[in-house]
Amino acid sequence: MSSAWTGIVLARSEPGDDRMASRLPTFLHPLAGRPLAWHAVSAVAALRPAPSRILLVTDREVSLDPFLDAWEGIRIFERSEEDVWSVVEESGEPDDHFLLVDARAPLLASGLQALLESPSTLFLTDELGLPAAAWLPRPDAERHLRRWRDLAALLVDEAEAPRLVHEEGALVVRDRRALARASELLRDRVVGRLMDGGVTFLLPQTTWVDVDVRIGRDTVIYPGVVLEGQTTIGDETVVGPGCRIIDSWVGSGVELRGWNYLSHTSIRNRAILEPYARRGYD
């Protein structure tokens, strides 16, 4: 595998996007507090060896900069024409390999890592057999990106190229059902990571936790809890049933007795909130 490669996240309007029945482009729909495209970029940025650059190519005027501040070297290109290779040339000297990722595919991390082990063209397909990502040597990348249509068309052109099906999470969001499926899979990953760090979820399948939420050790999360945005919860805190917490700081040793609503506020250490207490502002 070449040590120099470029990641290209394709956030373009593809045929069938109207299955979402939305005025919002599919790749901008939120998932766990971040747009779908953010998750795709995050997966590419986490690969090792790291890409020399990541290009987010879109045919829409989008504002993703606030979501992408965590990574250096990510550039956004707005292009309506088919020649995506011009974006590559504009961004600098082309690398030896290119990883193309559909911006609507939020959960591809391990599958993408497997692509990087191949010296030749290789596709990652989702649960329905449709393409989610492609790994291309430079000659193939230039040939396809100069007449870009979509990943599905590229897969047809390279019908003999090998395909890798990632067993879980290889999912391109094309409709609301797929978005719900992605939400479920991501919820399980986020909650699992927090449990590995010492957090107790009494009934994890009933909770919702955004990707930016932080929770301390020995904290107990009761059923029906929703934790959103930049929320931080300290150690040894009890979050009772039915609580919703948005962009808030909750200290250590706190007891929220249930059905509490907290938004853009702080709760001091060892505080106790009676049921149905409301704090903060919307």
Protein backbone atom coordinates (compact mmCIF):
# COMPACT_ATOMS: atom_id res chain seq x y z
CA MET A 1 0.00 0.00 0.00
CA SER A 2 1.24 3.48 -0.81
CA SER A 3 1.97 5.71 2.16
CA ALA A 4 0.64 8.74 0.25
CA TRP A 5 -3.09 8.80 -0.38
CA THR A 6 -5.91 11.32 -0.63
CA GLY A 7 -9.36 10.95 0.90
CA ILE A 8 -12.26 12.36 -1.13
CA VAL A 9 -15.64 12.59 0.57
CA LEU A 10 -18.32 13.05 -2.08
CA ALA A 11 -21.23 15.13 -0.82
CA ARG A 12 -23.10 15.43 -4.07
CA SER A 13 -26.77 15.19 -5.00
CA GLU A 14 -27.27 11.72 -6.41
CA PRO A 15 -30.25 10.18 -8.19
CA GLY A 16 -32.78 9.00 -5.64
CA ASP A 17 -31.99 11.59 -2.99
CA ASP A 18 -35.65 12.60 -3.10
CA ARG A 19 -36.45 9.39 -1.19
CA MET A 20 -35.75 11.41 1.95
CA ALA A 21 -38.68 13.70 1.01
CA SER A 22 -36.69 16.66 2.33
CA ARG A 23 -35.45 20.04 1.16
CA LEU A 24 -32.19 19.30 3.01
CA PRO A 25 -29.50 17.37 1.09
CA THR A 26 -29.19 13.86 2.48
CA PHE A 27 -25.54 14.31 3.53
CA LEU A 28 -26.54 17.22 5.79
CA HIS A 29 -29.16 15.32 7.77
CA PRO A 30 -28.16 15.11 11.45
CA LEU A 31 -27.01 11.91 13.12
CA ALA A 32 -26.09 11.98 16.82
CA GLY A 33 -25.58 15.74 16.77
CA ARG A 34 -23.48 15.93 13.60
CA PRO A 35 -24.28 15.90 9.86
CA LEU A 36 -23.87 12.61 8.01
CA ALA A 37 -20.98 14.14 6.04
CA TRP A 38 -19.13 14.87 9.30
CA HIS A 39 -19.21 11.19 10.23
CA ALA A 40 -17.83 10.24 6.82
CA VAL A 41 -14.99 12.76 7.14
CA SER A 42 -14.31 11.57 10.70
CA ALA A 43 -13.97 7.97 9.51
CA VAL A 44 -11.47 8.96 6.80
CA ALA A 45 -9.47 11.14 9.21
CA ALA A 46 -9.15 8.24 11.70
CA LEU A 47 -7.50 5.86 9.20
CA ARG A 48 -3.85 4.86 9.52
CA PRO A 49 -1.64 5.72 7.83
CA ALA A 50 -3.33 9.09 7.75
CA PRO A 51 -4.27 10.68 4.43
CA SER A 52 -2.09 13.47 3.12
CA ARG A 53 -5.30 15.51 2.68
CA ILE A 54 -9.07 15.18 2.77
CA LEU A 55 -11.23 16.85 0.14
CA LEU A 56 -14.94 17.33 0.69
CA VAL A 57 -16.46 17.79 -2.76
CA THR A 58 -20.04 19.01 -3.00
CA ASP A 59 -22.36 20.41 -5.64
CA ARG A 60 -24.26 22.44 -3.05
CA GLU A 61 -23.43 25.57 -1.12
CA VAL A 62 -22.93 24.12 2.35
CA SER A 63 -21.61 25.35 5.67
CA LEU A 64 -19.71 22.51 7.28
CA ASP A 65 -16.72 24.51 8.54
CA PRO A 66 -17.88 24.63 12.19
CA PHE A 67 -18.17 20.83 12.17
CA LEU A 68 -14.76 20.25 10.60
CA ASP A 69 -12.61 22.42 12.87
CA ALA A 70 -11.22 19.34 14.61
CA TRP A 71 -9.10 18.35 11.61
CA GLU A 72 -6.36 20.22 9.82
CA GLY A 73 -5.90 19.93 6.11
CA ILE A 74 -9.55 19.41 5.20
CA ARG A 75 -10.68 21.51 2.27
CA ILE A 76 -14.21 22.02 0.95
CA PHE A 77 -14.75 22.39 -2.80
CA GLU A 78 -18.08 23.35 -4.31
CA ARG A 79 -18.29 21.96 -7.83
CA SER A 80 -21.36 21.45 -9.98
CA GLU A 81 -19.48 20.08 -13.00
CA GLU A 82 -18.56 16.43 -13.38
CA ASP A 83 -14.77 16.86 -13.49
CA VAL A 84 -13.80 16.08 -9.89
CA TRP A 85 -10.19 15.50 -10.94
CA SER A 86 -9.84 19.26 -11.38
CA VAL A 87 -10.40 19.54 -7.64
CA VAL A 88 -7.56 17.09 -7.01
CA GLU A 89 -5.20 19.07 -9.22
CA GLU A 90 -6.25 22.33 -7.62
CA SER A 91 -5.48 20.97 -4.15
CA GLY A 92 -1.88 20.00 -4.99
CA GLU A 93 0.23 17.23 -6.52
CA PRO A 94 -1.91 14.07 -6.83
CA ASP A 95 -1.04 11.15 -4.55
CA ASP A 96 -0.56 7.53 -5.58
CA HIS A 97 -3.93 6.31 -4.25
CA PHE A 98 -7.37 7.76 -3.64
CA LEU A 99 -10.12 6.74 -1.26
CA LEU A 100 -13.58 7.86 -2.42
CA VAL A 101 -16.27 7.82 0.25
CA ASP A 102 -19.98 8.58 -0.03
CA ALA A 103 -20.78 11.40 2.43
CA ARG A 104 -24.04 9.62 3.25
CA ALA A 105 -22.15 6.64 4.72
CA PRO A 106 -21.50 7.45 8.40
CA LEU A 107 -20.26 4.15 9.90
CA LEU A 108 -17.50 2.80 7.69
CA ALA A 109 -14.35 3.06 9.84
CA SER A 110 -13.22 -0.59 9.97
CA GLY A 111 -14.35 -1.29 6.42
CA LEU A 112 -12.38 1.67 5.11
CA GLN A 113 -9.25 0.51 6.94
CA ALA A 114 -9.46 -2.81 5.09
CA LEU A 115 -9.52 -0.99 1.74
CA LEU A 116 -6.15 0.58 2.42
CA GLU A 117 -4.48 -2.84 2.41
CA SER A 118 -5.17 -3.39 -1.31
CA PRO A 119 -2.64 -2.39 -4.01
CA SER A 120 -5.38 -2.23 -6.66
CA THR A 121 -8.96 -1.04 -7.14
CA LEU A 122 -11.33 -2.32 -4.45
CA PHE A 123 -14.92 -1.41 -3.54
CA LEU A 124 -16.73 -1.40 -0.22
CA THR A 125 -20.43 -2.13 -0.65
CA ASP A 126 -23.21 -1.68 1.87
CA GLU A 127 -25.84 -4.10 3.17
CA LEU A 128 -27.79 -3.76 -0.09
CA GLY A 129 -24.78 -4.36 -2.31
CA LEU A 130 -24.51 -0.71 -3.35
CA PRO A 131 -21.16 1.11 -3.25
CA ALA A 132 -20.18 3.08 -0.16
CA ALA A 133 -16.48 3.62 -0.91
CA ALA A 134 -13.81 2.89 -3.51
CA TRP A 135 -10.02 2.57 -3.28
CA LEU A 136 -8.33 3.55 -6.55
CA PRO A 137 -4.73 3.80 -7.77
CA ARG A 138 -3.97 7.15 -9.36
CA PRO A 139 -4.50 6.13 -13.04
CA ASP A 140 -7.94 4.67 -12.28
CA ALA A 141 -8.83 7.63 -10.08
CA GLU A 142 -7.96 10.18 -12.78
CA ARG A 143 -9.83 8.24 -15.46
CA HIS A 144 -13.02 8.02 -13.42
CA LEU A 145 -12.96 11.42 -11.73
CA ARG A 146 -12.61 13.28 -15.02
CA ARG A 147 -16.05 12.00 -16.03
CA TRP A 148 -17.61 11.66 -12.64
CA ARG A 149 -21.18 10.46 -12.28
CA ASP A 150 -21.56 8.60 -9.00
CA LEU A 151 -20.08 5.64 -7.12
CA ALA A 152 -22.75 3.33 -8.49
CA ALA A 153 -21.76 4.20 -12.06
CA LEU A 154 -18.10 3.70 -11.21
CA LEU A 155 -18.91 0.25 -9.82
CA VAL A 156 -20.64 -0.64 -13.09
CA ASP A 157 -17.57 0.51 -15.05
CA GLU A 158 -15.33 -1.63 -12.84
CA ALA A 159 -17.64 -4.65 -12.73
CA GLU A 160 -14.73 -7.08 -12.41
CA ALA A 161 -13.09 -5.24 -9.52
CA PRO A 162 -13.23 -7.09 -6.18
CA ARG A 163 -15.76 -6.01 -3.57
CA LEU A 164 -15.57 -6.03 0.17
CA VAL A 165 -18.79 -6.23 2.15
CA HIS A 166 -18.43 -4.92 5.66
CA GLU A 167 -20.69 -7.02 7.88
CA GLU A 168 -22.03 -4.31 10.17
CA GLY A 169 -22.38 -0.60 9.62
CA ALA A 170 -21.66 -0.50 5.87
CA LEU A 171 -24.73 1.59 5.26
CA VAL A 172 -25.37 4.44 2.84
CA VAL A 173 -28.31 6.55 4.00
CA ARG A 174 -30.72 6.92 1.12
CA ASP A 175 -34.05 7.13 2.95
CA ARG A 176 -35.51 7.65 6.43
CA ARG A 177 -35.46 3.94 7.23
CA ALA A 178 -31.73 3.80 6.59
CA LEU A 179 -31.25 6.90 8.73
CA ALA A 180 -33.07 5.18 11.60
CA ARG A 181 -30.91 2.08 11.13
CA ALA A 182 -27.74 4.20 11.20
CA SER A 183 -28.99 5.93 14.36
CA GLU A 184 -29.45 2.58 16.08
CA LEU A 185 -26.01 1.31 15.09
CA LEU A 186 -24.28 4.53 16.12
CA ARG A 187 -26.17 4.64 19.43
CA ASP A 188 -24.88 1.17 20.25
CA ARG A 189 -21.30 2.20 19.44
CA VAL A 190 -21.41 5.39 21.51
CA VAL A 191 -23.08 3.72 24.48
CA GLY A 192 -20.69 0.77 24.27
CA ARG A 193 -17.68 3.11 24.38
CA LEU A 194 -19.08 4.88 27.43
CA MET A 195 -19.80 1.58 29.21
CA ASP A 196 -16.20 0.49 28.54
CA GLY A 197 -15.18 3.73 30.30
CA GLY A 198 -17.14 2.90 33.45
CA VAL A 199 -20.65 4.29 32.82
CA THR A 200 -23.72 2.18 33.70
CA PHE A 201 -26.73 2.20 31.35
CA LEU A 202 -29.62 0.35 32.95
CA LEU A 203 -31.48 -0.12 29.67
CA PRO A 204 -29.18 1.15 26.90
CA GLN A 205 -31.54 0.48 24.01
CA THR A 206 -33.94 3.14 25.37
CA THR A 207 -31.35 5.94 25.63
CA TRP A 208 -29.97 8.42 23.11
CA VAL A 209 -26.46 9.89 23.38
CA ASP A 210 -24.86 12.30 20.89
CA VAL A 211 -21.25 11.73 19.84
CA ASP A 212 -19.94 14.81 21.71
CA VAL A 213 -21.38 13.82 25.11
CA ARG A 214 -18.88 13.05 27.88
CA ILE A 215 -19.81 11.05 31.01
CA GLY A 216 -17.64 10.28 34.05
CA ARG A 217 -17.01 6.95 35.74
CA ASP A 218 -19.59 5.24 37.97
CA THR A 219 -22.40 7.42 36.67
CA VAL A 220 -25.72 5.62 36.24
CA ILE A 221 -28.04 6.40 33.32
CA TYR A 222 -31.66 5.28 33.75
CA PRO A 223 -34.00 4.29 30.88
CA GLY A 224 -35.43 6.92 28.55
CA VAL A 225 -32.60 9.44 28.95
CA VAL A 226 -31.65 11.76 26.05
CA LEU A 227 -28.21 13.44 26.12
CA GLU A 228 -27.54 15.93 23.34
CA GLY A 229 -24.91 18.34 22.06
CA GLN A 230 -21.84 19.35 24.06
CA THR A 231 -23.07 17.82 27.31
CA THR A 232 -20.68 16.78 30.09
CA ILE A 233 -21.69 14.73 33.13
CA GLY A 234 -19.31 14.11 36.04
CA ASP A 235 -18.45 11.03 38.07
CA GLU A 236 -20.86 9.15 40.35
CA THR A 237 -23.93 10.99 39.12
CA VAL A 238 -27.38 9.47 38.74
CA VAL A 239 -29.47 10.56 35.76
CA GLY A 240 -33.01 9.42 36.47
CA PRO A 241 -35.57 8.13 33.98
CA GLY A 242 -36.86 10.34 31.19
CA CYS A 243 -34.32 13.15 31.58
CA ARG A 244 -33.31 15.29 28.62
CA ILE A 245 -30.04 17.22 28.83
CA ILE A 246 -28.86 19.58 26.05
CA ASP A 247 -25.50 21.39 25.88
CA SER A 248 -25.16 21.39 29.67
CA TRP A 249 -22.58 20.69 32.37
CA VAL A 250 -23.65 18.40 35.21
CA GLY A 251 -21.23 17.96 38.09
CA SER A 252 -20.14 14.91 40.05
CA GLY A 253 -22.28 13.28 42.70
CA VAL A 254 -25.45 14.85 41.26
CA GLU A 255 -28.86 13.18 41.47
CA LEU A 256 -31.44 13.97 38.82
CA ARG A 257 -34.51 12.19 40.10
CA GLY A 258 -36.30 11.91 36.80
CA TRP A 259 -38.02 13.69 33.92
CA ASN A 260 -35.72 16.69 34.35
CA TYR A 261 -35.11 19.06 31.45
CA LEU A 262 -31.73 20.83 31.31
CA SER A 263 -30.69 23.10 28.46
CA HIS A 264 -27.57 25.29 28.23
CA THR A 265 -27.04 25.29 31.97
CA SER A 266 -24.77 24.02 34.75
CA ILE A 267 -25.62 21.88 37.78
CA ARG A 268 -23.19 22.08 40.70
CA ASN A 269 -21.52 19.07 42.28
CA ARG A 270 -23.71 16.98 44.64
CA ALA A 271 -26.88 18.86 43.72
CA ILE A 272 -30.25 17.09 43.83
CA LEU A 273 -33.04 17.96 41.39
CA GLU A 274 -36.54 16.81 42.21
CA PRO A 275 -38.63 15.16 39.47
CA TYR A 276 -39.81 17.40 36.62
CA ALA A 277 -37.42 20.23 37.56
CA ARG A 278 -36.45 22.43 34.60
CA ARG A 279 -33.21 24.43 34.33
CA GLY A 280 -31.68 26.64 31.64
CA TYR A 281 -33.07 28.05 28.42
CA ASP A 282 -33.85 26.86 24.88
